[in-house]
PDB file of all heavy atoms in Angstrom:
ATOM      1  N   ASP A   1     -30.008   8.419 -10.780  1.00  0.00           N
ATOM      2  CA  ASP A   1     -29.286   9.018 -11.884  1.00  0.00           C
ATOM      3  C   ASP A   1     -27.765   8.573 -11.851  1.00  0.00           C
ATOM      4  O   ASP A   1     -27.092   8.773 -12.774  1.00  0.00           O
ATOM      5  CB  ASP A   1     -29.372  10.525 -11.921  1.00  0.00           C
ATOM      6  CG  ASP A   1     -30.737  10.960 -12.315  1.00  0.00           C
ATOM      7  OD1 ASP A   1     -31.457  10.297 -12.978  1.00  0.00           O
ATOM      8  OD2 ASP A   1     -31.069  12.068 -11.884  1.00  0.00           O
ATOM      9  N   TYR A   2     -27.382   7.953 -10.712  1.00  0.00           N
ATOM     10  CA  TYR A   2     -25.976   7.601 -10.503  1.00  0.00           C
ATOM     11  C   TYR A   2     -25.885   6.130 -10.724  1.00  0.00           C
ATOM     12  O   TYR A   2     -26.332   5.341  -9.891  1.00  0.00           O
ATOM     13  CB  TYR A   2     -25.617   8.004  -9.104  1.00  0.00           C
ATOM     14  CG  TYR A   2     -24.113   8.138  -8.947  1.00  0.00           C
ATOM     15  CD1 TYR A   2     -23.320   9.043  -9.629  1.00  0.00           C
ATOM     16  CD2 TYR A   2     -23.385   7.309  -8.037  1.00  0.00           C
ATOM     17  CE1 TYR A   2     -22.017   9.128  -9.429  1.00  0.00           C
ATOM     18  CE2 TYR A   2     -22.046   7.387  -7.810  1.00  0.00           C
ATOM     19  CZ  TYR A   2     -21.330   8.356  -8.557  1.00  0.00           C
ATOM     20  OH  TYR A   2     -19.981   8.423  -8.351  1.00  0.00           O
ATOM     21  N   PRO A   3     -25.193   5.654 -11.855  1.00  0.00           N
ATOM     22  CA  PRO A   3     -25.138   4.265 -12.078  1.00  0.00           C
ATOM     23  C   PRO A   3     -24.276   3.470 -11.119  1.00  0.00           C
ATOM     24  O   PRO A   3     -23.437   4.054 -10.453  1.00  0.00           O
ATOM     25  CB  PRO A   3     -24.574   4.232 -13.478  1.00  0.00           C
ATOM     26  CG  PRO A   3     -23.861   5.477 -13.687  1.00  0.00           C
ATOM     27  CD  PRO A   3     -24.536   6.503 -12.820  1.00  0.00           C
ATOM     28  N   VAL A   4     -24.561   2.178 -11.037  1.00  0.00           N
ATOM     29  CA  VAL A   4     -23.800   1.348 -10.088  1.00  0.00           C
ATOM     30  C   VAL A   4     -22.291   1.326 -10.464  1.00  0.00           C
ATOM     31  O   VAL A   4     -21.488   1.345  -9.523  1.00  0.00           O
ATOM     32  CB  VAL A   4     -24.342  -0.111 -10.122  1.00  0.00           C
ATOM     33  CG1 VAL A   4     -23.566  -1.081  -9.251  1.00  0.00           C
ATOM     34  CG2 VAL A   4     -25.780  -0.104  -9.639  1.00  0.00           C
ATOM     35  N   LEU A   5     -21.964   1.328 -11.714  1.00  0.00           N
ATOM     36  CA  LEU A   5     -20.539   1.294 -12.118  1.00  0.00           C
ATOM     37  C   LEU A   5     -19.918   2.616 -11.691  1.00  0.00           C
ATOM     38  O   LEU A   5     -18.752   2.640 -11.270  1.00  0.00           O
ATOM     39  CB  LEU A   5     -20.465   1.092 -13.611  1.00  0.00           C
ATOM     40  CG  LEU A   5     -19.007   0.898 -14.122  1.00  0.00           C
ATOM     41  CD1 LEU A   5     -18.399  -0.319 -13.444  1.00  0.00           C
ATOM     42  CD2 LEU A   5     -19.004   0.705 -15.644  1.00  0.00           C
ATOM     43  N   GLY A   6     -20.611   3.698 -11.764  1.00  0.00           N
ATOM     44  CA  GLY A   6     -20.129   5.017 -11.284  1.00  0.00           C
ATOM     45  C   GLY A   6     -19.846   4.966  -9.805  1.00  0.00           C
ATOM     46  O   GLY A   6     -18.829   5.452  -9.363  1.00  0.00           O
ATOM     47  N   ALA A   7     -20.732   4.350  -9.088  1.00  0.00           N
ATOM     48  CA  ALA A   7     -20.458   4.247  -7.603  1.00  0.00           C
ATOM     49  C   ALA A   7     -19.252   3.370  -7.371  1.00  0.00           C
ATOM     50  O   ALA A   7     -18.469   3.665  -6.438  1.00  0.00           O
ATOM     51  CB  ALA A   7     -21.709   3.673  -6.949  1.00  0.00           C
ATOM     52  N   PHE A   8     -19.121   2.299  -8.095  1.00  0.00           N
ATOM     53  CA  PHE A   8     -17.960   1.450  -7.947  1.00  0.00           C
ATOM     54  C   PHE A   8     -16.674   2.187  -8.229  1.00  0.00           C
ATOM     55  O   PHE A   8     -15.689   2.132  -7.496  1.00  0.00           O
ATOM     56  CB  PHE A   8     -18.039   0.218  -8.913  1.00  0.00           C
ATOM     57  CG  PHE A   8     -16.794  -0.570  -9.010  1.00  0.00           C
ATOM     58  CD1 PHE A   8     -16.389  -1.432  -7.949  1.00  0.00           C
ATOM     59  CD2 PHE A   8     -15.945  -0.492 -10.027  1.00  0.00           C
ATOM     60  CE1 PHE A   8     -15.306  -2.134  -8.001  1.00  0.00           C
ATOM     61  CE2 PHE A   8     -14.826  -1.151 -10.096  1.00  0.00           C
ATOM     62  CZ  PHE A   8     -14.400  -2.019  -9.108  1.00  0.00           C
ATOM     63  N   TRP A   9     -16.652   2.967  -9.346  1.00  0.00           N
ATOM     64  CA  TRP A   9     -15.391   3.718  -9.635  1.00  0.00           C
ATOM     65  C   TRP A   9     -15.097   4.822  -8.619  1.00  0.00           C
ATOM     66  O   TRP A   9     -13.959   5.114  -8.274  1.00  0.00           O
ATOM     67  CB  TRP A   9     -15.479   4.334 -11.058  1.00  0.00           C
ATOM     68  CG  TRP A   9     -15.240   3.327 -12.067  1.00  0.00           C
ATOM     69  CD1 TRP A   9     -16.170   2.834 -12.977  1.00  0.00           C
ATOM     70  CD2 TRP A   9     -14.046   2.554 -12.280  1.00  0.00           C
ATOM     71  NE1 TRP A   9     -15.552   1.865 -13.793  1.00  0.00           N
ATOM     72  CE2 TRP A   9     -14.282   1.689 -13.357  1.00  0.00           C
ATOM     73  CE3 TRP A   9     -12.746   2.609 -11.687  1.00  0.00           C
ATOM     74  CZ2 TRP A   9     -13.292   0.841 -13.891  1.00  0.00           C
ATOM     75  CZ3 TRP A   9     -11.791   1.750 -12.251  1.00  0.00           C
ATOM     76  CH2 TRP A   9     -12.077   0.895 -13.300  1.00  0.00           C
ATOM     77  N   THR A  10     -16.171   5.397  -8.073  1.00  0.00           N
ATOM     78  CA  THR A  10     -15.935   6.397  -7.058  1.00  0.00           C
ATOM     79  C   THR A  10     -15.319   5.789  -5.758  1.00  0.00           C
ATOM     80  O   THR A  10     -14.380   6.324  -5.231  1.00  0.00           O
ATOM     81  CB  THR A  10     -17.288   7.141  -6.697  1.00  0.00           C
ATOM     82  OG1 THR A  10     -17.797   7.639  -7.859  1.00  0.00           O
ATOM     83  CG2 THR A  10     -17.061   8.101  -5.575  1.00  0.00           C
ATOM     84  N   ALA A  11     -15.876   4.660  -5.391  1.00  0.00           N
ATOM     85  CA  ALA A  11     -15.298   3.928  -4.283  1.00  0.00           C
ATOM     86  C   ALA A  11     -13.933   3.490  -4.506  1.00  0.00           C
ATOM     87  O   ALA A  11     -13.059   3.521  -3.628  1.00  0.00           O
ATOM     88  CB  ALA A  11     -16.187   2.671  -3.904  1.00  0.00           C
ATOM     89  N   MET A  12     -13.619   3.010  -5.772  1.00  0.00           N
ATOM     90  CA  MET A  12     -12.245   2.606  -6.099  1.00  0.00           C
ATOM     91  C   MET A  12     -11.297   3.828  -6.025  1.00  0.00           C
ATOM     92  O   MET A  12     -10.190   3.667  -5.497  1.00  0.00           O
ATOM     93  CB  MET A  12     -12.187   2.107  -7.566  1.00  0.00           C
ATOM     94  CG  MET A  12     -10.882   1.710  -7.971  1.00  0.00           C
ATOM     95  SD  MET A  12     -10.326   0.213  -7.235  1.00  0.00           S
ATOM     96  CE  MET A  12     -10.750  -0.897  -8.608  1.00  0.00           C
ATOM     97  N   TRP A  13     -11.661   4.984  -6.529  1.00  0.00           N
ATOM     98  CA  TRP A  13     -10.780   6.139  -6.425  1.00  0.00           C
ATOM     99  C   TRP A  13     -10.547   6.572  -5.018  1.00  0.00           C
ATOM    100  O   TRP A  13      -9.448   6.906  -4.688  1.00  0.00           O
ATOM    101  CB  TRP A  13     -11.308   7.244  -7.305  1.00  0.00           C
ATOM    102  CG  TRP A  13     -11.032   7.038  -8.753  1.00  0.00           C
ATOM    103  CD1 TRP A  13     -11.919   6.794  -9.765  1.00  0.00           C
ATOM    104  CD2 TRP A  13      -9.719   6.972  -9.410  1.00  0.00           C
ATOM    105  NE1 TRP A  13     -11.345   6.594 -10.937  1.00  0.00           N
ATOM    106  CE2 TRP A  13      -9.968   6.675 -10.773  1.00  0.00           C
ATOM    107  CE3 TRP A  13      -8.418   7.174  -8.963  1.00  0.00           C
ATOM    108  CZ2 TRP A  13      -8.963   6.590 -11.664  1.00  0.00           C
ATOM    109  CZ3 TRP A  13      -7.406   7.003  -9.905  1.00  0.00           C
ATOM    110  CH2 TRP A  13      -7.647   6.763 -11.164  1.00  0.00           C
ATOM    111  N   ILE A  14     -11.561   6.546  -4.212  1.00  0.00           N
ATOM    112  CA  ILE A  14     -11.389   6.869  -2.792  1.00  0.00           C
ATOM    113  C   ILE A  14     -10.467   5.895  -2.126  1.00  0.00           C
ATOM    114  O   ILE A  14      -9.577   6.279  -1.365  1.00  0.00           O
ATOM    115  CB  ILE A  14     -12.763   6.942  -2.062  1.00  0.00           C
ATOM    116  CG1 ILE A  14     -13.590   8.162  -2.611  1.00  0.00           C
ATOM    117  CG2 ILE A  14     -12.629   7.060  -0.566  1.00  0.00           C
ATOM    118  CD1 ILE A  14     -14.976   8.275  -2.103  1.00  0.00           C
ATOM    119  N   PHE A  15     -10.632   4.623  -2.377  1.00  0.00           N
ATOM    120  CA  PHE A  15      -9.706   3.572  -1.808  1.00  0.00           C
ATOM    121  C   PHE A  15      -8.338   3.837  -2.175  1.00  0.00           C
ATOM    122  O   PHE A  15      -7.352   3.751  -1.441  1.00  0.00           O
ATOM    123  CB  PHE A  15     -10.233   2.273  -2.203  1.00  0.00           C
ATOM    124  CG  PHE A  15      -9.334   1.083  -1.853  1.00  0.00           C
ATOM    125  CD1 PHE A  15      -9.273   0.639  -0.556  1.00  0.00           C
ATOM    126  CD2 PHE A  15      -8.433   0.535  -2.743  1.00  0.00           C
ATOM    127  CE1 PHE A  15      -8.261  -0.332  -0.123  1.00  0.00           C
ATOM    128  CE2 PHE A  15      -7.556  -0.528  -2.439  1.00  0.00           C
ATOM    129  CZ  PHE A  15      -7.541  -0.915  -1.082  1.00  0.00           C
ATOM    130  N   LEU A  16      -8.078   4.086  -3.506  1.00  0.00           N
ATOM    131  CA  LEU A  16      -6.738   4.296  -4.017  1.00  0.00           C
ATOM    132  C   LEU A  16      -6.127   5.568  -3.353  1.00  0.00           C
ATOM    133  O   LEU A  16      -4.943   5.573  -3.084  1.00  0.00           O
ATOM    134  CB  LEU A  16      -6.698   4.334  -5.534  1.00  0.00           C
ATOM    135  CG  LEU A  16      -6.941   3.097  -6.203  1.00  0.00           C
ATOM    136  CD1 LEU A  16      -7.066   3.271  -7.740  1.00  0.00           C
ATOM    137  CD2 LEU A  16      -5.883   2.053  -5.885  1.00  0.00           C
ATOM    138  N   TRP A  17      -6.956   6.541  -3.261  1.00  0.00           N
ATOM    139  CA  TRP A  17      -6.426   7.860  -2.607  1.00  0.00           C
ATOM    140  C   TRP A  17      -5.952   7.561  -1.155  1.00  0.00           C
ATOM    141  O   TRP A  17      -4.909   8.052  -0.706  1.00  0.00           O
ATOM    142  CB  TRP A  17      -7.547   8.898  -2.692  1.00  0.00           C
ATOM    143  CG  TRP A  17      -7.099  10.242  -2.187  1.00  0.00           C
ATOM    144  CD1 TRP A  17      -6.311  11.182  -2.727  1.00  0.00           C
ATOM    145  CD2 TRP A  17      -7.444  10.782  -0.874  1.00  0.00           C
ATOM    146  NE1 TRP A  17      -6.150  12.234  -1.937  1.00  0.00           N
ATOM    147  CE2 TRP A  17      -6.868  12.020  -0.787  1.00  0.00           C
ATOM    148  CE3 TRP A  17      -8.216  10.330   0.179  1.00  0.00           C
ATOM    149  CZ2 TRP A  17      -7.029  12.829   0.347  1.00  0.00           C
ATOM    150  CZ3 TRP A  17      -8.396  11.102   1.311  1.00  0.00           C
ATOM    151  CH2 TRP A  17      -7.759  12.348   1.314  1.00  0.00           C
ATOM    152  N   VAL A  18      -6.766   6.893  -0.418  1.00  0.00           N
ATOM    153  CA  VAL A  18      -6.474   6.561   1.013  1.00  0.00           C
ATOM    154  C   VAL A  18      -5.212   5.726   1.052  1.00  0.00           C
ATOM    155  O   VAL A  18      -4.350   5.929   1.796  1.00  0.00           O
ATOM    156  CB  VAL A  18      -7.619   5.938   1.692  1.00  0.00           C
ATOM    157  CG1 VAL A  18      -7.268   5.369   3.062  1.00  0.00           C
ATOM    158  CG2 VAL A  18      -8.830   6.895   1.825  1.00  0.00           C
ATOM    159  N   LEU A  19      -5.160   4.696   0.186  1.00  0.00           N
ATOM    160  CA  LEU A  19      -3.941   3.826   0.086  1.00  0.00           C
ATOM    161  C   LEU A  19      -2.681   4.688  -0.231  1.00  0.00           C
ATOM    162  O   LEU A  19      -1.647   4.423   0.367  1.00  0.00           O
ATOM    163  CB  LEU A  19      -4.157   2.762  -1.045  1.00  0.00           C
ATOM    164  CG  LEU A  19      -3.098   1.719  -1.173  1.00  0.00           C
ATOM    165  CD1 LEU A  19      -3.042   0.803   0.072  1.00  0.00           C
ATOM    166  CD2 LEU A  19      -3.316   0.916  -2.463  1.00  0.00           C
ATOM    167  N   TRP A  20      -2.765   5.649  -1.112  1.00  0.00           N
ATOM    168  CA  TRP A  20      -1.716   6.495  -1.463  1.00  0.00           C
ATOM    169  C   TRP A  20      -1.213   7.281  -0.202  1.00  0.00           C
ATOM    170  O   TRP A  20      -0.048   7.374   0.075  1.00  0.00           O
ATOM    171  CB  TRP A  20      -2.049   7.457  -2.565  1.00  0.00           C
ATOM    172  CG  TRP A  20      -0.957   8.303  -2.920  1.00  0.00           C
ATOM    173  CD1 TRP A  20      -0.886   9.621  -2.664  1.00  0.00           C
ATOM    174  CD2 TRP A  20       0.283   7.955  -3.633  1.00  0.00           C
ATOM    175  NE1 TRP A  20       0.340  10.108  -3.063  1.00  0.00           N
ATOM    176  CE2 TRP A  20       1.072   9.041  -3.719  1.00  0.00           C
ATOM    177  CE3 TRP A  20       0.764   6.733  -4.098  1.00  0.00           C
ATOM    178  CZ2 TRP A  20       2.272   9.116  -4.233  1.00  0.00           C
ATOM    179  CZ3 TRP A  20       2.027   6.751  -4.690  1.00  0.00           C
ATOM    180  CH2 TRP A  20       2.749   7.971  -4.727  1.00  0.00           C
ATOM    181  N   ILE A  21      -2.211   7.867   0.513  1.00  0.00           N
ATOM    182  CA  ILE A  21      -1.868   8.629   1.674  1.00  0.00           C
ATOM    183  C   ILE A  21      -1.180   7.823   2.756  1.00  0.00           C
ATOM    184  O   ILE A  21      -0.117   8.202   3.309  1.00  0.00           O
ATOM    185  CB  ILE A  21      -3.110   9.345   2.174  1.00  0.00           C
ATOM    186  CG1 ILE A  21      -3.704  10.319   1.242  1.00  0.00           C
ATOM    187  CG2 ILE A  21      -2.810  10.015   3.569  1.00  0.00           C
ATOM    188  CD1 ILE A  21      -2.817  11.542   0.963  1.00  0.00           C
ATOM    189  N   VAL A  22      -1.680   6.608   2.888  1.00  0.00           N
ATOM    190  CA  VAL A  22      -1.077   5.679   3.911  1.00  0.00           C
ATOM    191  C   VAL A  22       0.379   5.346   3.458  1.00  0.00           C
ATOM    192  O   VAL A  22       1.293   5.376   4.322  1.00  0.00           O
ATOM    193  CB  VAL A  22      -1.950   4.411   4.065  1.00  0.00           C
ATOM    194  CG1 VAL A  22      -1.230   3.285   4.884  1.00  0.00           C
ATOM    195  CG2 VAL A  22      -3.209   4.755   4.734  1.00  0.00           C
ATOM    196  N   LEU A  23       0.531   5.025   2.212  1.00  0.00           N
ATOM    197  CA  LEU A  23       1.888   4.643   1.722  1.00  0.00           C
ATOM    198  C   LEU A  23       2.842   5.854   1.876  1.00  0.00           C
ATOM    199  O   LEU A  23       4.018   5.677   2.253  1.00  0.00           O
ATOM    200  CB  LEU A  23       1.779   4.303   0.274  1.00  0.00           C
ATOM    201  CG  LEU A  23       3.066   3.843  -0.451  1.00  0.00           C
ATOM    202  CD1 LEU A  23       3.696   2.667   0.259  1.00  0.00           C
ATOM    203  CD2 LEU A  23       2.884   3.579  -1.935  1.00  0.00           C
ATOM    204  N   LEU A  24       2.393   7.051   1.558  1.00  0.00           N
ATOM    205  CA  LEU A  24       3.216   8.255   1.746  1.00  0.00           C
ATOM    206  C   LEU A  24       3.685   8.460   3.101  1.00  0.00           C
ATOM    207  O   LEU A  24       4.879   8.684   3.394  1.00  0.00           O
ATOM    208  CB  LEU A  24       2.499   9.474   1.179  1.00  0.00           C
ATOM    209  CG  LEU A  24       3.210  10.831   1.207  1.00  0.00           C
ATOM    210  CD1 LEU A  24       4.336  10.730   0.169  1.00  0.00           C
ATOM    211  CD2 LEU A  24       2.211  11.942   0.837  1.00  0.00           C
ATOM    212  N   PHE A  25       2.756   8.366   4.090  1.00  0.00           N
ATOM    213  CA  PHE A  25       3.151   8.479   5.512  1.00  0.00           C
ATOM    214  C   PHE A  25       4.015   7.372   5.985  1.00  0.00           C
ATOM    215  O   PHE A  25       4.932   7.535   6.778  1.00  0.00           O
ATOM    216  CB  PHE A  25       1.925   8.692   6.394  1.00  0.00           C
ATOM    217  CG  PHE A  25       1.326  10.022   6.360  1.00  0.00           C
ATOM    218  CD1 PHE A  25       0.196  10.330   5.628  1.00  0.00           C
ATOM    219  CD2 PHE A  25       1.898  11.080   7.074  1.00  0.00           C
ATOM    220  CE1 PHE A  25      -0.312  11.562   5.607  1.00  0.00           C
ATOM    221  CE2 PHE A  25       1.436  12.320   7.033  1.00  0.00           C
ATOM    222  CZ  PHE A  25       0.258  12.589   6.309  1.00  0.00           C
ATOM    223  N   ARG A  26       3.857   6.173   5.427  1.00  0.00           N
ATOM    224  CA  ARG A  26       4.633   5.108   5.873  1.00  0.00           C
ATOM    225  C   ARG A  26       6.136   5.234   5.432  1.00  0.00           C
ATOM    226  O   ARG A  26       7.015   4.982   6.038  1.00  0.00           O
ATOM    227  CB  ARG A  26       4.050   3.770   5.281  1.00  0.00           C
ATOM    228  CG  ARG A  26       4.877   2.540   5.534  1.00  0.00           C
ATOM    229  CD  ARG A  26       4.020   1.614   6.274  1.00  0.00           C
ATOM    230  NE  ARG A  26       4.888   0.516   6.637  1.00  0.00           N
ATOM    231  CZ  ARG A  26       4.487  -0.719   6.803  1.00  0.00           C
ATOM    232  NH1 ARG A  26       3.198  -0.919   6.765  1.00  0.00           N
ATOM    233  NH2 ARG A  26       5.359  -1.606   7.205  1.00  0.00           N
ATOM    234  N   ILE A  27       6.220   5.823   4.146  1.00  0.00           N
ATOM    235  CA  ILE A  27       7.553   6.075   3.646  1.00  0.00           C
ATOM    236  C   ILE A  27       8.242   7.176   4.417  1.00  0.00           C
ATOM    237  O   ILE A  27       9.432   7.108   4.676  1.00  0.00           O
ATOM    238  CB  ILE A  27       7.474   6.285   2.165  1.00  0.00           C
ATOM    239  CG1 ILE A  27       7.182   5.017   1.404  1.00  0.00           C
ATOM    240  CG2 ILE A  27       8.772   6.980   1.589  1.00  0.00           C
ATOM    241  CD1 ILE A  27       7.053   5.163  -0.166  1.00  0.00           C
ATOM    242  N   ILE A  28       7.468   8.212   4.752  1.00  0.00           N
ATOM    243  CA  ILE A  28       8.102   9.365   5.467  1.00  0.00           C
ATOM    244  C   ILE A  28       8.459   8.819   6.894  1.00  0.00           C
ATOM    245  O   ILE A  28       9.559   9.115   7.357  1.00  0.00           O
ATOM    246  CB  ILE A  28       7.040  10.459   5.662  1.00  0.00           C
ATOM    247  CG1 ILE A  28       6.927  11.183   4.224  1.00  0.00           C
ATOM    248  CG2 ILE A  28       7.522  11.448   6.638  1.00  0.00           C
ATOM    249  CD1 ILE A  28       5.795  12.208   4.216  1.00  0.00           C
ATOM    250  N   GLY A  29       7.710   7.972   7.505  1.00  0.00           N
ATOM    251  CA  GLY A  29       8.128   7.316   8.783  1.00  0.00           C
ATOM    252  C   GLY A  29       9.324   6.449   8.634  1.00  0.00           C
ATOM    253  O   GLY A  29      10.236   6.467   9.453  1.00  0.00           O
ATOM    254  N   ASP A  30       9.476   5.751   7.539  1.00  0.00           N
ATOM    255  CA  ASP A  30      10.609   4.954   7.301  1.00  0.00           C
ATOM    256  C   ASP A  30      11.868   5.734   7.065  1.00  0.00           C
ATOM    257  O   ASP A  30      12.934   5.410   7.495  1.00  0.00           O
ATOM    258  CB  ASP A  30      10.348   3.986   6.060  1.00  0.00           C
ATOM    259  CG  ASP A  30      11.524   3.078   5.844  1.00  0.00           C
ATOM    260  OD1 ASP A  30      11.743   2.158   6.765  1.00  0.00           O
ATOM    261  OD2 ASP A  30      12.169   3.111   4.847  1.00  0.00           O
ATOM    262  N   ILE A  31      11.716   6.916   6.391  1.00  0.00           N
ATOM    263  CA  ILE A  31      12.849   7.794   6.216  1.00  0.00           C
ATOM    264  C   ILE A  31      13.373   8.255   7.598  1.00  0.00           C
ATOM    265  O   ILE A  31      14.605   8.235   7.864  1.00  0.00           O
ATOM    266  CB  ILE A  31      12.448   8.986   5.369  1.00  0.00           C
ATOM    267  CG1 ILE A  31      12.198   8.570   3.907  1.00  0.00           C
ATOM    268  CG2 ILE A  31      13.564  10.084   5.414  1.00  0.00           C
ATOM    269  CD1 ILE A  31      11.626   9.622   3.046  1.00  0.00           C
ATOM    270  N   PHE A  32      12.491   8.651   8.499  1.00  0.00           N
ATOM    271  CA  PHE A  32      12.931   9.097   9.783  1.00  0.00           C
ATOM    272  C   PHE A  32      13.472   7.964  10.658  1.00  0.00           C
ATOM    273  O   PHE A  32      14.338   8.145  11.480  1.00  0.00           O
ATOM    274  CB  PHE A  32      11.838   9.792  10.510  1.00  0.00           C
ATOM    275  CG  PHE A  32      11.610  11.199  10.017  1.00  0.00           C
ATOM    276  CD1 PHE A  32      10.438  11.509   9.395  1.00  0.00           C
ATOM    277  CD2 PHE A  32      12.561  12.197  10.187  1.00  0.00           C
ATOM    278  CE1 PHE A  32      10.244  12.806   8.838  1.00  0.00           C
ATOM    279  CE2 PHE A  32      12.389  13.511   9.669  1.00  0.00           C
ATOM    280  CZ  PHE A  32      11.175  13.778   9.076  1.00  0.00           C
ATOM    281  N   ARG A  33      12.945   6.775  10.456  1.00  0.00           N
ATOM    282  CA  ARG A  33      13.382   5.583  11.309  1.00  0.00           C
ATOM    283  C   ARG A  33      14.688   4.981  10.947  1.00  0.00           C
ATOM    284  O   ARG A  33      15.335   4.433  11.724  1.00  0.00           O
ATOM    285  CB  ARG A  33      12.285   4.492  11.206  1.00  0.00           C
ATOM    286  CG  ARG A  33      12.584   3.344  12.059  1.00  0.00           C
ATOM    287  CD  ARG A  33      11.453   2.284  11.951  1.00  0.00           C
ATOM    288  NE  ARG A  33      10.169   2.804  12.386  1.00  0.00           N
ATOM    289  CZ  ARG A  33       9.080   2.735  11.674  1.00  0.00           C
ATOM    290  NH1 ARG A  33       9.056   2.082  10.519  1.00  0.00           N
ATOM    291  NH2 ARG A  33       7.964   3.227  12.084  1.00  0.00           N
ATOM    292  N   ASP A  34      15.126   5.193   9.672  1.00  0.00           N
ATOM    293  CA  ASP A  34      16.289   4.549   9.160  1.00  0.00           C
ATOM    294  C   ASP A  34      17.539   5.151   9.820  1.00  0.00           C
ATOM    295  O   ASP A  34      17.892   6.335   9.698  1.00  0.00           O
ATOM    296  CB  ASP A  34      16.386   4.703   7.671  1.00  0.00           C
ATOM    297  CG  ASP A  34      17.491   3.881   6.992  1.00  0.00           C
ATOM    298  OD1 ASP A  34      18.071   3.113   7.792  1.00  0.00           O
ATOM    299  OD2 ASP A  34      17.664   4.009   5.787  1.00  0.00           O
ATOM    300  N   ASP A  35      18.322   4.337  10.540  1.00  0.00           N
ATOM    301  CA  ASP A  35      19.553   4.750  11.240  1.00  0.00           C
ATOM    302  C   ASP A  35      20.709   4.820  10.286  1.00  0.00           C
ATOM    303  O   ASP A  35      21.760   5.393  10.624  1.00  0.00           O
ATOM    304  CB  ASP A  35      19.868   3.840  12.403  1.00  0.00           C
ATOM    305  CG  ASP A  35      18.778   3.924  13.512  1.00  0.00           C
ATOM    306  OD1 ASP A  35      18.127   4.985  13.624  1.00  0.00           O
ATOM    307  OD2 ASP A  35      18.573   2.955  14.216  1.00  0.00           O
ATOM    308  N   THR A  36      20.605   4.118   9.098  1.00  0.00           N
ATOM    309  CA  THR A  36      21.761   4.110   8.227  1.00  0.00           C
ATOM    310  C   THR A  36      21.903   5.340   7.407  1.00  0.00           C
ATOM    311  O   THR A  36      22.928   5.685   6.884  1.00  0.00           O
ATOM    312  CB  THR A  36      21.705   2.853   7.265  1.00  0.00           C
ATOM    313  OG1 THR A  36      20.571   2.968   6.478  1.00  0.00           O
ATOM    314  CG2 THR A  36      21.708   1.578   8.062  1.00  0.00           C
ATOM    315  N   LEU A  37      20.773   6.046   7.202  1.00  0.00           N
ATOM    316  CA  LEU A  37      20.835   7.305   6.488  1.00  0.00           C
ATOM    317  C   LEU A  37      21.320   8.457   7.339  1.00  0.00           C
ATOM    318  O   LEU A  37      20.884   8.535   8.509  1.00  0.00           O
ATOM    319  CB  LEU A  37      19.445   7.614   5.966  1.00  0.00           C
ATOM    320  CG  LEU A  37      18.972   7.104   4.668  1.00  0.00           C
ATOM    321  CD1 LEU A  37      17.476   7.484   4.425  1.00  0.00           C
ATOM    322  CD2 LEU A  37      19.817   7.464   3.482  1.00  0.00           C
ATOM    323  N   GLY A  38      22.150   9.320   6.786  1.00  0.00           N
ATOM    324  CA  GLY A  38      22.501  10.541   7.535  1.00  0.00           C
ATOM    325  C   GLY A  38      21.542  11.547   7.427  1.00  0.00           C
ATOM    326  O   GLY A  38      20.518  11.450   6.736  1.00  0.00           O
TER     327      GLY A  38
END
């Protein structure tokens, strides 16, 4: 009952969500690492 295109879009949304979380943590790490910011 679950079409192949539906599975593709589900995998795509999961990938984008994980990518977003990684980017968010990378930016937070960069904020703390930056010595030029007070």
